[in-house]
Protein backbone atom coordinates (compact mmCIF):
# COMPACT_ATOMS: atom_id res chain seq x y z
CA MET A 1 14.08 -70.98 178.12
CA ASP A 2 16.39 -73.16 179.32
CA LEU A 3 15.91 -75.64 182.63
CA VAL A 4 18.49 -75.89 185.29
CA TRP A 5 18.43 -78.90 187.15
CA ARG A 6 19.33 -78.39 191.45
CA LEU A 7 21.00 -81.63 192.08
CA PRO A 8 21.81 -82.41 195.63
CA VAL A 9 25.77 -81.66 196.67
CA ALA A 10 26.03 -85.87 197.52
CA VAL A 11 24.70 -86.63 193.97
CA ASP A 12 27.57 -83.59 192.20
CA ALA A 13 30.11 -85.49 194.06
CA THR A 14 29.41 -89.11 193.53
CA MET A 15 29.33 -88.47 190.05
CA GLU A 16 32.25 -86.62 189.74
CA GLN A 17 34.19 -89.65 191.64
CA LEU A 18 32.36 -92.14 189.39
CA CYS A 19 34.00 -89.96 186.17
CA GLU A 20 37.16 -90.25 187.85
CA ARG A 21 37.16 -93.99 188.61
CA SER A 22 35.93 -95.05 185.14
CA ARG A 23 37.33 -92.74 183.20
CA GLU A 24 34.02 -92.64 181.05
CA THR A 25 31.29 -89.88 180.96
CA VAL A 26 28.61 -90.23 183.69
CA ASN A 27 25.12 -89.18 183.24
CA LEU A 28 21.94 -88.78 185.36
CA TYR A 29 18.39 -89.40 183.32
CA VAL A 30 15.10 -88.65 184.68
CA LEU A 31 11.60 -89.61 183.44
CA GLU A 32 9.84 -86.97 181.45
CA GLY A 33 6.52 -88.51 179.92
CA GLN A 34 7.59 -90.90 177.38
CA TRP A 35 11.16 -89.28 177.52
CA ARG A 36 14.09 -89.48 179.51
CA VAL A 37 16.14 -86.43 180.07
CA CYS A 38 19.64 -86.31 180.73
CA ALA A 39 19.59 -84.20 184.00
CA ALA A 40 23.22 -83.87 184.94
CA GLN A 41 26.42 -85.02 183.29
CA LYS A 42 30.10 -85.46 184.15
CA GLN A 43 32.03 -85.97 180.79
CA GLY A 44 34.76 -88.21 181.00
CA PRO A 45 38.34 -87.34 180.25
CA GLN A 46 39.55 -89.25 177.59
CA SER A 47 39.72 -87.40 173.59
CA ILE A 48 36.99 -89.80 172.22
CA ARG A 49 33.77 -90.18 174.83
CA TYR A 50 29.95 -90.07 174.75
CA VAL A 51 28.04 -86.98 175.57
CA VAL A 52 24.35 -86.04 175.89
CA ALA A 53 24.22 -82.53 176.42
CA VAL A 54 22.18 -81.88 179.70
CA GLY A 55 18.09 -80.99 178.93
CA THR A 56 18.35 -83.38 176.03
CA ARG A 57 14.97 -85.56 175.71
CA LEU A 58 15.82 -89.05 174.37
CA PRO A 59 13.85 -91.90 173.43
CA LEU A 60 12.67 -95.06 176.16
CA TRP A 61 13.08 -97.84 173.62
CA GLY A 62 16.68 -98.17 173.75
CA GLY A 63 19.99 -97.59 175.77
CA ALA A 64 20.77 -99.02 179.56
CA SER A 65 19.46 -95.79 181.21
CA ALA A 66 16.05 -96.31 179.18
CA LYS A 67 15.69 -99.90 180.50
CA VAL A 68 16.52 -98.73 183.88
CA LEU A 69 13.70 -96.03 184.05
CA LEU A 70 10.90 -98.55 182.22
CA ALA A 71 12.09 -101.18 184.53
CA GLY A 72 10.88 -99.34 187.16
CA ALA A 73 7.75 -98.20 185.56
CA PRO A 74 4.45 -99.48 184.46
CA THR A 75 4.23 -101.65 181.41
CA GLU A 76 2.16 -98.94 179.59
CA LEU A 77 4.82 -96.72 179.59
CA MET A 78 6.86 -99.17 177.75
CA ASP A 79 4.17 -99.81 174.87
CA LEU A 80 3.93 -96.02 174.75
CA ALA A 81 7.12 -95.99 174.24
CA LEU A 82 7.42 -98.65 171.50
CA ALA A 83 4.55 -97.32 169.87
CA HIS A 84 6.44 -94.04 168.89
CA SER A 85 9.83 -95.98 167.71
CA ASP A 86 10.10 -98.36 164.52
CA LYS A 87 10.89 -101.20 166.25
CA ASP A 88 9.27 -104.72 164.64
CA PRO A 89 6.72 -106.41 167.07
CA ASN A 90 9.68 -109.00 168.40
CA TYR A 91 11.49 -105.93 169.70
CA ARG A 92 8.63 -105.91 172.45
CA ALA A 93 9.38 -109.29 173.70
CA TRP A 94 13.02 -108.91 173.83
CA LEU A 95 12.70 -105.90 175.84
CA MET A 96 10.49 -107.27 178.61
CA HIS A 97 12.76 -109.77 178.60
CA GLU A 98 16.01 -107.27 179.09
CA LEU A 99 13.66 -105.00 181.78
CA GLN A 100 13.18 -108.80 183.73
CA ARG A 101 17.45 -108.96 183.87
CA VAL A 102 17.48 -105.17 184.91
CA ARG A 103 15.10 -106.07 187.94
CA GLN A 104 16.97 -109.25 188.54
CA THR A 105 20.43 -107.82 188.33
CA GLY A 106 20.18 -104.18 189.26
CA VAL A 107 21.80 -102.74 186.05
CA ALA A 108 20.89 -102.47 182.61
CA ILE A 109 23.67 -102.99 179.90
CA SER A 110 23.59 -101.58 176.35
CA HIS A 111 25.78 -101.99 173.10
CA GLY A 112 24.73 -99.78 170.60
CA GLU A 113 20.94 -99.93 171.00
CA ARG A 114 19.93 -96.63 170.47
CA GLU A 115 23.42 -95.42 168.75
CA ARG A 116 26.07 -97.58 166.87
CA GLY A 117 29.23 -97.39 168.73
CA SER A 118 28.20 -96.28 172.25
CA SER A 119 27.91 -98.51 175.13
CA SER A 120 26.67 -97.65 178.56
CA VAL A 121 25.72 -99.34 181.79
CA ALA A 122 23.06 -98.06 184.29
CA ALA A 123 21.62 -98.30 187.46
CA PRO A 124 18.40 -97.29 189.21
CA ILE A 125 18.43 -94.52 191.92
CA ARG A 126 15.28 -95.40 194.21
CA ALA A 127 13.40 -93.64 196.59
CA GLY A 128 11.81 -96.18 198.68
CA ASP A 129 10.29 -98.64 195.72
CA ARG A 130 10.22 -96.03 193.22
CA THR A 131 12.71 -95.59 190.59
CA VAL A 132 13.37 -91.82 190.43
CA ALA A 133 16.48 -91.76 188.07
CA ALA A 134 19.34 -93.49 186.22
CA LEU A 135 22.63 -93.39 187.05
CA ALA A 136 24.81 -94.23 183.51
CA ILE A 137 28.60 -94.52 182.63
CA SER A 138 28.53 -94.22 178.78
CA GLY A 139 31.48 -94.20 176.31
CA PRO A 140 32.67 -95.88 173.28
CA THR A 141 31.78 -99.63 172.55
CA LEU A 142 35.60 -100.54 172.17
CA ARG A 143 36.14 -99.75 175.80
CA PHE A 144 33.53 -101.34 177.22
CA THR A 145 34.72 -105.08 177.58
CA ASP A 146 33.03 -107.78 179.76
CA VAL A 147 35.49 -107.10 182.15
CA ARG A 148 35.18 -103.11 182.25
CA VAL A 149 31.28 -103.79 182.00
CA HIS A 150 31.14 -105.90 185.20
CA GLN A 151 33.51 -102.99 187.04
CA PHE A 152 31.27 -100.21 186.05
CA ALA A 153 28.10 -102.26 187.14
CA GLU A 154 30.00 -102.55 190.35
CA LEU A 155 30.89 -99.03 191.09
CA LEU A 156 27.34 -97.65 189.79
CA LYS A 157 25.51 -100.26 192.33
CA ASN A 158 27.94 -98.72 195.07
CA ALA A 159 27.34 -95.16 193.47
CA THR A 160 23.63 -95.50 193.58
CA ARG A 161 23.33 -97.10 196.95
CA ASP A 162 25.44 -94.14 198.68
CA MET A 163 23.36 -91.89 196.94
CA GLU A 164 20.06 -93.56 198.39
CA ARG A 165 21.63 -93.51 201.94
CA SER A 166 22.69 -90.09 201.91
CA PHE A 167 19.29 -88.73 200.82
CA THR A 168 17.27 -91.30 203.29
CA LYS A 169 19.45 -89.90 206.21
CA ASN A 170 18.84 -86.11 205.40
CA MET A 171 15.14 -86.46 203.62
CA ASP A 172 12.08 -87.87 204.17
CA ARG A 173 11.00 -89.87 201.00
CA ASP A 174 8.36 -87.76 199.33
CA ALA A 175 11.43 -85.03 199.39
CA LEU A 176 13.87 -87.24 197.78
CA GLY A 177 11.31 -87.75 194.95
CA THR A 178 11.01 -84.18 194.12
CA VAL A 179 14.77 -83.41 194.62
CA TRP A 180 15.08 -85.38 190.84
CA VAL A 181 12.28 -84.44 188.93
CA GLY A 182 12.41 -80.50 189.96
CA ALA A 183 13.43 -78.15 187.78
CA SER A 184 13.65 -74.30 187.94
CA GLU A 185 13.81 -71.68 185.23
CA ALA A 186 17.16 -70.44 184.38
CA ARG A 187 17.24 -66.52 184.80
């Protein structure tokens, strides 16, 4: 059976605006065990774009969204994700450094980490001190110049801040978390 992710209207509207402003695909990912799952997507308007089907499970060992989710999770989850990858032992040290950078800057950047020719920039969506989702802008690496990556990072920080503020105003902290991880079966 297919899963349907029910997102608050504010999230959908913010993702749509982010897609229009960036002209790239916007994805929202949540943790599911040792995986990240694409919970929502707004496809960019360009002919060549990066698309992940909603509901797709992806590994946590690479990609901007994976780094955002791992940066807010216990180290054991990273170890579990790496145990299921073909990465060499030096990769763990590199990933730890990347996660520290995400915690310091509030964004993650990826160029071809998981899939050659694709790039992404992601930021966390938090409920209190928990990262409950990752919001990302993704597309072909050739369009992800340093200038655009910086612009995307600022757009994402503003979008996630708006989302968090909107939810905090309308829900208590526990309800916010369940909005992101709750799924229901499609009928």
